[in-house]
Amino acid sequence: NPAVIIQARYNSKRFKGKVLSKINNISLLEILIKRLKKSNKISKIIVACTTNKDDKKIVKLCDKLKVSCYRGPEHNVLKRYYLAARKFKLKNIIRITSDCPLVDIKTLNNLILQFTQKNLDYASNTLNPTYPDGMDIEIFSFKVLKERFLSSKSKKEKEHVTTLISTSKKYKKYGLKLEENYSKLRLTVDTKYDLYVINKLLKYFNYNIHIDLDKIIKLYK
């Protein structure tokens, strides 16, 4: 089974410390990790944070939740992913970012199934965006990650990890789509207002942090 690498850092440009901001006393990163632990198709959860001293708080949370943590370069995220994957000897990697606390586990399990059965290099629900913003899941092989890392030149590729995987013709890819397009719906956290929205959403469901995408869409409708 593939392992999840969650990309996280304390010093986010627009909203510092957002991954540790709390909703009903649980930080966003903790909500995400607890949701991911519900999947039986994941072999491991690794948080890839940075060597910046502020990220000690993230390391502390990982210890508390008993998930692995890897500290790498702050701005070259591609390198951080590559080094983390290499350290844990991963064959396949699921990429999730820490500003997406409500990643849907059913969707994740479905995507893992497609990735494995179709023997793919890359699978995601972002190729043709129909999922709400904040539901982003990408899966790729270590082989592809290593190739991209060794040939990366641009700043964009170093910052965004999968830019050239998702656009390259050379890889065998698959894009998961919903029947209706909900890509305008924002469930990601970039600003204080986003946090307010997610808080209101979870409050509506009595702060059940395991609420699934179907129920969220039903509420939205």
Protein backbone atom coordinates (compact mmCIF):
# COMPACT_ATOMS: atom_id res chain seq x y z
CA ASN A 1 0.00 0.00 0.00
CA PRO A 2 1.17 3.54 -0.71
CA ALA A 3 2.19 5.92 2.08
CA VAL A 4 0.90 9.44 2.58
CA ILE A 5 3.32 12.35 2.72
CA ILE A 6 1.61 15.44 4.09
CA GLN A 7 3.31 18.67 3.13
CA ALA A 8 3.26 21.07 6.08
CA ARG A 9 5.03 24.13 7.38
CA TYR A 10 4.35 26.63 10.13
CA ASN A 11 5.44 29.73 8.24
CA SER A 12 2.83 29.92 5.54
CA LYS A 13 2.99 33.26 3.72
CA ARG A 14 -0.61 34.36 3.98
CA PHE A 15 -1.65 32.81 7.27
CA LYS A 16 1.18 31.96 9.62
CA GLY A 17 0.64 28.88 11.77
CA LYS A 18 -2.54 27.94 9.92
CA VAL A 19 -1.86 24.19 10.01
CA LEU A 20 -1.91 24.35 13.81
CA SER A 21 -4.93 26.65 14.07
CA LYS A 22 -7.67 24.92 15.99
CA ILE A 23 -11.30 24.14 15.43
CA ASN A 24 -13.12 22.97 18.55
CA ASN A 25 -9.70 22.44 20.16
CA ILE A 26 -8.24 20.23 17.40
CA SER A 27 -5.68 21.63 14.97
CA LEU A 28 -6.23 21.36 11.22
CA LEU A 29 -3.25 19.05 10.85
CA GLU A 30 -4.58 16.79 13.58
CA ILE A 31 -8.03 16.66 11.92
CA LEU A 32 -6.37 15.63 8.65
CA ILE A 33 -4.18 12.95 10.27
CA LYS A 34 -7.11 11.49 12.23
CA ARG A 35 -9.17 11.32 9.04
CA LEU A 36 -6.34 9.63 7.14
CA LYS A 37 -5.95 7.03 9.88
CA LYS A 38 -9.45 5.81 8.94
CA SER A 39 -8.17 4.52 5.60
CA ASN A 40 -7.12 0.87 5.54
CA LYS A 41 -5.33 1.30 2.21
CA ILE A 42 -2.46 3.44 3.53
CA SER A 43 0.72 1.88 4.84
CA LYS A 44 2.11 4.92 6.65
CA ILE A 45 1.55 8.62 7.32
CA ILE A 46 4.55 10.93 7.14
CA VAL A 47 4.48 14.67 7.73
CA ALA A 48 7.14 16.44 5.68
CA CYS A 49 7.82 19.76 7.37
CA THR A 50 10.84 22.05 7.23
CA THR A 51 14.06 22.60 9.13
CA ASN A 52 12.75 26.01 10.20
CA LYS A 53 12.73 26.27 14.01
CA ASP A 54 9.01 27.14 14.06
CA ASP A 55 8.25 23.67 12.72
CA LYS A 56 9.23 22.15 16.08
CA LYS A 57 5.56 22.58 16.96
CA ILE A 58 4.61 20.35 14.03
CA VAL A 59 7.17 17.73 15.09
CA LYS A 60 5.66 17.75 18.58
CA LEU A 61 2.19 17.11 17.19
CA CYS A 62 3.50 14.21 15.07
CA ASP A 63 5.03 12.65 18.18
CA LYS A 64 1.74 13.02 20.03
CA LEU A 65 -0.21 11.39 17.17
CA LYS A 66 2.47 8.75 16.59
CA VAL A 67 3.06 9.56 12.93
CA SER A 68 6.45 9.88 11.28
CA CYS A 69 7.95 13.27 10.61
CA TYR A 70 10.62 14.33 8.16
CA ARG A 71 12.27 17.77 8.12
CA GLY A 72 13.62 19.04 4.82
CA PRO A 73 14.12 22.22 2.77
CA GLU A 74 11.44 24.89 3.18
CA HIS A 75 11.15 26.15 -0.39
CA ASN A 76 12.29 23.22 -2.50
CA VAL A 77 9.27 21.08 -1.68
CA LEU A 78 10.08 18.61 -4.46
CA LYS A 79 13.40 17.87 -2.76
CA ARG A 80 11.65 17.59 0.61
CA TYR A 81 9.27 14.99 -0.86
CA TYR A 82 12.04 13.11 -2.59
CA LEU A 83 14.24 12.92 0.53
CA ALA A 84 11.32 11.90 2.76
CA ALA A 85 10.23 9.18 0.32
CA ARG A 86 13.81 7.93 0.00
CA LYS A 87 14.34 7.88 3.75
CA PHE A 88 11.24 5.74 4.33
CA LYS A 89 11.94 3.60 1.23
CA LEU A 90 8.53 4.28 -0.27
CA LYS A 91 7.47 2.69 -3.52
CA ASN A 92 4.32 4.77 -4.06
CA ILE A 93 3.43 8.12 -2.55
CA ILE A 94 0.17 9.90 -1.86
CA ARG A 95 0.60 13.66 -1.76
CA ILE A 96 -1.71 15.69 0.45
CA THR A 97 -1.19 19.24 1.66
CA SER A 98 -1.87 20.28 5.23
CA ASP A 99 -4.23 23.09 4.23
CA CYS A 100 -6.75 20.44 3.12
CA PRO A 101 -8.01 19.13 6.48
CA LEU A 102 -11.18 17.54 5.08
CA VAL A 103 -9.68 15.25 2.42
CA ASP A 104 -12.31 12.60 1.72
CA ILE A 105 -11.32 9.05 2.68
CA LYS A 106 -13.73 7.31 0.28
CA THR A 107 -12.25 9.32 -2.58
CA LEU A 108 -8.75 8.50 -1.38
CA ASN A 109 -9.45 4.76 -1.19
CA ASN A 110 -11.05 4.84 -4.64
CA LEU A 111 -8.04 6.64 -6.12
CA ILE A 112 -5.60 4.17 -4.52
CA LEU A 113 -7.62 1.33 -6.06
CA GLN A 114 -7.48 2.93 -9.54
CA PHE A 115 -3.76 3.60 -9.19
CA THR A 116 -3.01 0.01 -8.23
CA GLN A 117 -5.40 -1.78 -10.60
CA LYS A 118 -4.50 0.30 -13.66
CA ASN A 119 -0.79 0.13 -12.85
CA LEU A 120 -0.35 3.90 -13.19
CA ASP A 121 2.50 6.38 -12.79
CA TYR A 122 0.17 9.12 -11.59
CA ALA A 123 -3.44 9.39 -10.42
CA SER A 124 -5.28 12.35 -8.97
CA ASN A 125 -8.63 14.09 -8.62
CA THR A 126 -7.10 17.39 -9.80
CA LEU A 127 -6.40 16.69 -13.50
CA ASN A 128 -9.90 17.85 -14.48
CA PRO A 129 -11.03 19.69 -11.37
CA THR A 130 -14.55 18.69 -10.29
CA TYR A 131 -13.82 18.16 -6.60
CA PRO A 132 -14.10 21.05 -4.14
CA ASP A 133 -10.88 22.98 -3.64
CA GLY A 134 -9.32 21.35 -0.57
CA MET A 135 -10.00 17.74 -1.59
CA ASP A 136 -6.79 17.42 -3.61
CA ILE A 137 -5.16 13.99 -3.69
CA GLU A 138 -2.28 12.91 -5.92
CA ILE A 139 -0.62 9.49 -6.10
CA PHE A 140 2.61 8.76 -7.93
CA SER A 141 5.44 6.26 -7.90
CA PHE A 142 8.82 6.88 -6.31
CA LYS A 143 10.37 6.18 -9.70
CA VAL A 144 8.53 9.15 -11.23
CA LEU A 145 9.27 11.36 -8.23
CA LYS A 146 12.98 10.57 -8.48
CA GLU A 147 12.98 11.30 -12.21
CA ARG A 148 11.32 14.67 -11.65
CA PHE A 149 13.65 15.52 -8.78
CA LEU A 150 16.80 14.71 -10.76
CA SER A 151 15.67 16.75 -13.76
CA SER A 152 13.97 19.67 -11.98
CA LYS A 153 15.14 23.09 -13.08
CA SER A 154 12.36 25.61 -12.57
CA LYS A 155 11.39 27.27 -9.32
CA LYS A 156 7.77 26.34 -10.05
CA GLU A 157 8.57 22.65 -10.23
CA LYS A 158 10.59 22.77 -7.02
CA GLU A 159 7.75 24.47 -5.20
CA HIS A 160 4.85 22.46 -6.55
CA VAL A 161 6.24 18.91 -6.73
CA THR A 162 3.94 17.45 -9.38
CA THR A 163 3.70 20.23 -12.00
CA LEU A 164 5.58 18.32 -14.66
CA ILE A 165 4.21 14.90 -13.77
CA SER A 166 0.61 15.94 -14.32
CA THR A 167 1.34 17.69 -17.64
CA SER A 168 3.88 15.26 -19.13
CA LYS A 169 2.80 12.94 -21.95
CA LYS A 170 5.27 10.29 -20.91
CA TYR A 171 3.45 9.07 -17.80
CA LYS A 172 0.46 6.77 -17.51
CA LYS A 173 -2.15 8.89 -15.77
CA TYR A 174 -5.69 8.78 -14.49
CA GLY A 175 -8.02 11.57 -13.33
CA LEU A 176 -10.91 10.88 -10.97
CA LYS A 177 -13.98 13.05 -11.54
CA LEU A 178 -17.33 13.71 -9.89
CA GLU A 179 -20.51 13.62 -11.98
CA GLU A 180 -21.15 17.26 -11.14
CA ASN A 181 -18.59 20.00 -10.93
CA TYR A 182 -18.01 21.34 -7.41
CA SER A 183 -14.60 22.87 -8.06
CA LYS A 184 -15.88 26.34 -7.11
CA LEU A 185 -16.52 25.13 -3.57
CA ARG A 186 -13.74 26.11 -1.16
CA LEU A 187 -12.79 23.67 1.60
CA THR A 188 -9.14 24.61 1.79
CA VAL A 189 -7.56 26.92 4.37
CA ASP A 190 -5.49 29.83 3.09
CA THR A 191 -6.98 32.65 5.08
CA LYS A 192 -8.69 33.34 8.42
CA TYR A 193 -11.99 33.49 6.53
CA ASP A 194 -11.44 29.95 5.16
CA LEU A 195 -10.88 28.78 8.73
CA TYR A 196 -14.15 30.45 9.76
CA VAL A 197 -15.99 28.60 6.95
CA ILE A 198 -14.56 25.18 7.89
CA ASN A 199 -15.37 25.88 11.53
CA LYS A 200 -18.99 26.70 10.65
CA LEU A 201 -19.21 23.58 8.50
CA LEU A 202 -17.90 21.27 11.22
CA LYS A 203 -20.07 22.98 13.83
CA TYR A 204 -23.13 22.15 11.70
CA PHE A 205 -22.11 18.48 11.93
CA ASN A 206 -21.57 18.73 15.71
CA TYR A 207 -17.81 18.85 15.15
CA ASN A 208 -17.71 15.34 13.75
CA ILE A 209 -14.27 15.51 12.14
CA HIS A 210 -14.96 12.38 10.07
CA ILE A 211 -17.74 13.95 8.04
CA ASP A 212 -17.57 12.76 4.41
CA LEU A 213 -17.78 14.61 1.12
CA ASP A 214 -21.30 13.32 0.28
CA LYS A 215 -22.72 14.96 3.39
CA ILE A 216 -20.82 18.19 2.73
CA ILE A 217 -22.17 18.37 -0.83
CA LYS A 218 -25.69 17.60 0.37
CA LEU A 219 -25.43 20.48 2.83
CA TYR A 220 -24.02 22.74 0.12
CA LYS A 221 -26.95 21.93 -2.19
